[in-house]
């Protein structure tokens, strides 16, 4: 997945608030191709495993609780310069600091419930994508 693929999750808050379609439309309008996608729910154990990098941070427990609180939409996206372009599309982690028109500016409710996850590197995109998808689920 190096260079042209990234991983995203539409988080439980955005799913609960009915923003799946609008977020997917923004992704498509930005020129990304969806090569894998599923509607699923993370167990607390799986959410903890996915966010293990944050285990020592004070917000880890809340993050795991939130990410296992309802369904998510996980997806692998393809486009040249995918990681960087997607990070620009989603905006700053804090929606109050996100540029107007970005996904987080439009659909996030707080730093903790910031609507979407986006991989921060090609390496993490590959790791995160394979965490959620088997090779036979990626097209």
C-alpha atoms as a PDB file:
ATOM      1  CA  UNK A   1       0.000   0.000   0.000  1.00  0.00           C
ATOM      2  CA  UNK A   2       3.039   2.270  -0.082  1.00  0.00           C
ATOM      3  CA  UNK A   3       2.412   5.705  -1.519  1.00  0.00           C
ATOM      4  CA  UNK A   4      -1.013   5.389  -3.057  1.00  0.00           C
ATOM      5  CA  UNK A   5      -3.198   3.848  -0.320  1.00  0.00           C
ATOM      6  CA  UNK A   6      -4.387   5.006   3.062  1.00  0.00           C
ATOM      7  CA  UNK A   7      -6.723   3.716   5.730  1.00  0.00           C
ATOM      8  CA  UNK A   8      -9.695   5.475   7.295  1.00  0.00           C
ATOM      9  CA  UNK A   9     -12.471   4.790   9.743  1.00  0.00           C
ATOM     10  CA  UNK A  10     -15.668   6.759  10.050  1.00  0.00           C
ATOM     11  CA  UNK A  11     -15.945   6.791  13.839  1.00  0.00           C
ATOM     12  CA  UNK A  12     -18.997   5.836  15.940  1.00  0.00           C
ATOM     13  CA  UNK A  13     -20.109   9.439  16.578  1.00  0.00           C
ATOM     14  CA  UNK A  14     -20.225  10.320  12.892  1.00  0.00           C
ATOM     15  CA  UNK A  15     -22.005   7.030  12.133  1.00  0.00           C
ATOM     16  CA  UNK A  16     -24.527   7.717  14.931  1.00  0.00           C
ATOM     17  CA  UNK A  17     -25.089  11.242  13.606  1.00  0.00           C
ATOM     18  CA  UNK A  18     -25.900   9.984  10.097  1.00  0.00           C
ATOM     19  CA  UNK A  19     -22.804  11.303   8.293  1.00  0.00           C
ATOM     20  CA  UNK A  20     -21.612   8.140   6.492  1.00  0.00           C
ATOM     21  CA  UNK A  21     -22.988   9.157   3.092  1.00  0.00           C
ATOM     22  CA  UNK A  22     -21.764  12.749   3.272  1.00  0.00           C
ATOM     23  CA  UNK A  23     -18.269  11.682   4.365  1.00  0.00           C
ATOM     24  CA  UNK A  24     -18.038   9.043   1.620  1.00  0.00           C
ATOM     25  CA  UNK A  25     -19.191  11.657  -0.905  1.00  0.00           C
ATOM     26  CA  UNK A  26     -16.386  14.033   0.213  1.00  0.00           C
ATOM     27  CA  UNK A  27     -13.895  11.169  -0.146  1.00  0.00           C
ATOM     28  CA  UNK A  28     -15.113  10.384  -3.674  1.00  0.00           C
ATOM     29  CA  UNK A  29     -15.195  14.057  -4.674  1.00  0.00           C
ATOM     30  CA  UNK A  30     -11.552  14.372  -3.586  1.00  0.00           C
ATOM     31  CA  UNK A  31     -10.581  11.703  -6.107  1.00  0.00           C
ATOM     32  CA  UNK A  32     -10.087   8.726  -3.805  1.00  0.00           C
ATOM     33  CA  UNK A  33     -11.103   5.255  -4.961  1.00  0.00           C
ATOM     34  CA  UNK A  34     -12.461   2.922  -2.288  1.00  0.00           C
ATOM     35  CA  UNK A  35     -10.636  -0.421  -2.631  1.00  0.00           C
ATOM     36  CA  UNK A  36     -12.021  -2.009   0.564  1.00  0.00           C
ATOM     37  CA  UNK A  37     -14.879  -1.055   2.874  1.00  0.00           C
ATOM     38  CA  UNK A  38     -16.912  -2.583   5.676  1.00  0.00           C
ATOM     39  CA  UNK A  39     -19.514  -1.575   8.227  1.00  0.00           C
ATOM     40  CA  UNK A  40     -18.518  -3.227  11.491  1.00  0.00           C
ATOM     41  CA  UNK A  41     -18.225  -2.772  15.233  1.00  0.00           C
ATOM     42  CA  UNK A  42     -14.972  -2.969  17.171  1.00  0.00           C
ATOM     43  CA  UNK A  43     -14.945  -4.831  20.467  1.00  0.00           C
ATOM     44  CA  UNK A  44     -13.184  -3.042  23.328  1.00  0.00           C
ATOM     45  CA  UNK A  45     -10.360  -5.558  22.907  1.00  0.00           C
ATOM     46  CA  UNK A  46      -9.973  -4.846  19.172  1.00  0.00           C
ATOM     47  CA  UNK A  47     -10.210  -1.070  19.693  1.00  0.00           C
ATOM     48  CA  UNK A  48      -7.525  -1.331  22.378  1.00  0.00           C
ATOM     49  CA  UNK A  49      -5.321  -3.346  20.054  1.00  0.00           C
ATOM     50  CA  UNK A  50      -5.790  -0.890  17.178  1.00  0.00           C
ATOM     51  CA  UNK A  51      -4.939   2.117  19.385  1.00  0.00           C
ATOM     52  CA  UNK A  52      -2.195   0.354  21.404  1.00  0.00           C
ATOM     53  CA  UNK A  53       0.256   3.085  20.345  1.00  0.00           C
ATOM     54  CA  UNK A  54      -1.678   5.428  22.693  1.00  0.00           C
ATOM     55  CA  UNK A  55      -1.825   2.987  25.631  1.00  0.00           C
ATOM     56  CA  UNK A  56       0.268   5.176  27.941  1.00  0.00           C
ATOM     57  CA  UNK A  57      -1.665   8.357  27.164  1.00  0.00           C
ATOM     58  CA  UNK A  58      -4.327   9.636  29.562  1.00  0.00           C
ATOM     59  CA  UNK A  59      -7.076   9.538  26.915  1.00  0.00           C
ATOM     60  CA  UNK A  60      -6.527   5.859  25.965  1.00  0.00           C
ATOM     61  CA  UNK A  61      -9.400   4.463  28.066  1.00  0.00           C
ATOM     62  CA  UNK A  62     -11.874   7.011  26.741  1.00  0.00           C
ATOM     63  CA  UNK A  63     -10.677   6.405  23.182  1.00  0.00           C
ATOM     64  CA  UNK A  64     -11.156   2.636  23.462  1.00  0.00           C
ATOM     65  CA  UNK A  65     -14.577   3.116  25.068  1.00  0.00           C
ATOM     66  CA  UNK A  66     -15.679   5.540  22.345  1.00  0.00           C
ATOM     67  CA  UNK A  67     -14.337   3.465  19.449  1.00  0.00           C
ATOM     68  CA  UNK A  68     -16.185   0.381  20.718  1.00  0.00           C
ATOM     69  CA  UNK A  69     -19.420   2.278  21.480  1.00  0.00           C
ATOM     70  CA  UNK A  70     -21.052   1.702  18.100  1.00  0.00           C
ATOM     71  CA  UNK A  71     -20.485   0.742  14.492  1.00  0.00           C
ATOM     72  CA  UNK A  72     -17.739   2.183  12.311  1.00  0.00           C
ATOM     73  CA  UNK A  73     -17.051   2.213   8.599  1.00  0.00           C
ATOM     74  CA  UNK A  74     -13.515   1.026   7.840  1.00  0.00           C
ATOM     75  CA  UNK A  75     -12.054   1.649   4.388  1.00  0.00           C
ATOM     76  CA  UNK A  76      -8.862   1.531   2.365  1.00  0.00           C
ATOM     77  CA  UNK A  77      -8.597   4.406  -0.079  1.00  0.00           C
ATOM     78  CA  UNK A  78      -6.438   4.722  -3.168  1.00  0.00           C
ATOM     79  CA  UNK A  79      -5.065   7.846  -4.835  1.00  0.00           C
ATOM     80  CA  UNK A  80      -1.629   9.242  -5.648  1.00  0.00           C
ATOM     81  CA  UNK A  81      -0.143  10.742  -2.464  1.00  0.00           C
ATOM     82  CA  UNK A  82      -3.020   9.138  -0.526  1.00  0.00           C
ATOM     83  CA  UNK A  83      -1.848   9.612   3.072  1.00  0.00           C
ATOM     84  CA  UNK A  84      -0.958  13.281   2.779  1.00  0.00           C
ATOM     85  CA  UNK A  85      -3.955  14.169   0.605  1.00  0.00           C
ATOM     86  CA  UNK A  86      -6.363  12.394   2.960  1.00  0.00           C
ATOM     87  CA  UNK A  87      -4.894  14.082   6.037  1.00  0.00           C
ATOM     88  CA  UNK A  88      -5.505  17.410   4.297  1.00  0.00           C
ATOM     89  CA  UNK A  89      -9.083  16.401   3.423  1.00  0.00           C
ATOM     90  CA  UNK A  90      -9.961  15.413   6.992  1.00  0.00           C
ATOM     91  CA  UNK A  91      -8.421  18.487   8.655  1.00  0.00           C
ATOM     92  CA  UNK A  92      -6.922  19.059  12.089  1.00  0.00           C
ATOM     93  CA  UNK A  93      -7.694  16.660  14.945  1.00  0.00           C
ATOM     94  CA  UNK A  94      -9.388  19.506  16.789  1.00  0.00           C
ATOM     95  CA  UNK A  95     -12.397  20.409  14.624  1.00  0.00           C
ATOM     96  CA  UNK A  96     -12.240  23.993  15.921  1.00  0.00           C
ATOM     97  CA  UNK A  97      -8.828  24.273  14.230  1.00  0.00           C
ATOM     98  CA  UNK A  98      -9.751  22.362  11.061  1.00  0.00           C
ATOM     99  CA  UNK A  99      -9.930  24.335   7.820  1.00  0.00           C
ATOM    100  CA  UNK A 100     -13.453  25.106   6.595  1.00  0.00           C
ATOM    101  CA  UNK A 101     -14.798  22.409   4.286  1.00  0.00           C
ATOM    102  CA  UNK A 102     -12.667  19.616   5.755  1.00  0.00           C
ATOM    103  CA  UNK A 103     -14.412  16.493   7.023  1.00  0.00           C
ATOM    104  CA  UNK A 104     -13.652  17.261  10.669  1.00  0.00           C
ATOM    105  CA  UNK A 105     -14.744  20.891  10.369  1.00  0.00           C
ATOM    106  CA  UNK A 106     -18.043  19.711   8.912  1.00  0.00           C
ATOM    107  CA  UNK A 107     -18.815  16.553  10.890  1.00  0.00           C
ATOM    108  CA  UNK A 108     -16.723  16.314  14.086  1.00  0.00           C
ATOM    109  CA  UNK A 109     -18.207  17.284  17.432  1.00  0.00           C
ATOM    110  CA  UNK A 110     -14.993  17.447  19.512  1.00  0.00           C
ATOM    111  CA  UNK A 111     -11.322  16.436  19.573  1.00  0.00           C
ATOM    112  CA  UNK A 112     -12.324  13.068  21.031  1.00  0.00           C
ATOM    113  CA  UNK A 113     -15.190  12.557  18.594  1.00  0.00           C
ATOM    114  CA  UNK A 114     -13.445  13.894  15.514  1.00  0.00           C
ATOM    115  CA  UNK A 115     -15.525  11.969  12.935  1.00  0.00           C
ATOM    116  CA  UNK A 116     -12.763  10.066  11.115  1.00  0.00           C
ATOM    117  CA  UNK A 117      -9.424   8.379  11.533  1.00  0.00           C
ATOM    118  CA  UNK A 118      -6.759   8.806   8.871  1.00  0.00           C
ATOM    119  CA  UNK A 119      -3.413   7.020   8.718  1.00  0.00           C
ATOM    120  CA  UNK A 120      -0.412   9.249   9.415  1.00  0.00           C
ATOM    121  CA  UNK A 121       2.151   7.408   7.247  1.00  0.00           C
ATOM    122  CA  UNK A 122       2.386   4.899   4.411  1.00  0.00           C
ATOM    123  CA  UNK A 123       3.691   2.320   6.890  1.00  0.00           C
ATOM    124  CA  UNK A 124       0.767   2.821   9.291  1.00  0.00           C
ATOM    125  CA  UNK A 125      -1.705   2.803   6.397  1.00  0.00           C
ATOM    126  CA  UNK A 126      -0.495  -0.692   5.478  1.00  0.00           C
ATOM    127  CA  UNK A 127      -0.592  -1.900   9.100  1.00  0.00           C
ATOM    128  CA  UNK A 128      -4.020  -0.400   9.788  1.00  0.00           C
ATOM    129  CA  UNK A 129      -5.500  -1.644   6.528  1.00  0.00           C
ATOM    130  CA  UNK A 130      -4.337  -5.195   7.169  1.00  0.00           C
ATOM    131  CA  UNK A 131      -5.687  -4.993  10.744  1.00  0.00           C
ATOM    132  CA  UNK A 132      -9.209  -4.590   9.332  1.00  0.00           C
ATOM    133  CA  UNK A 133      -9.087  -6.372   5.982  1.00  0.00           C
ATOM    134  CA  UNK A 134      -7.912  -9.717   4.636  1.00  0.00           C
ATOM    135  CA  UNK A 135      -6.152  -9.612   1.274  1.00  0.00           C
ATOM    136  CA  UNK A 136      -9.245 -11.122  -0.366  1.00  0.00           C
ATOM    137  CA  UNK A 137     -11.316  -8.103   0.790  1.00  0.00           C
ATOM    138  CA  UNK A 138      -9.120  -5.514  -0.976  1.00  0.00           C
ATOM    139  CA  UNK A 139      -9.812  -4.788  -4.630  1.00  0.00           C
END
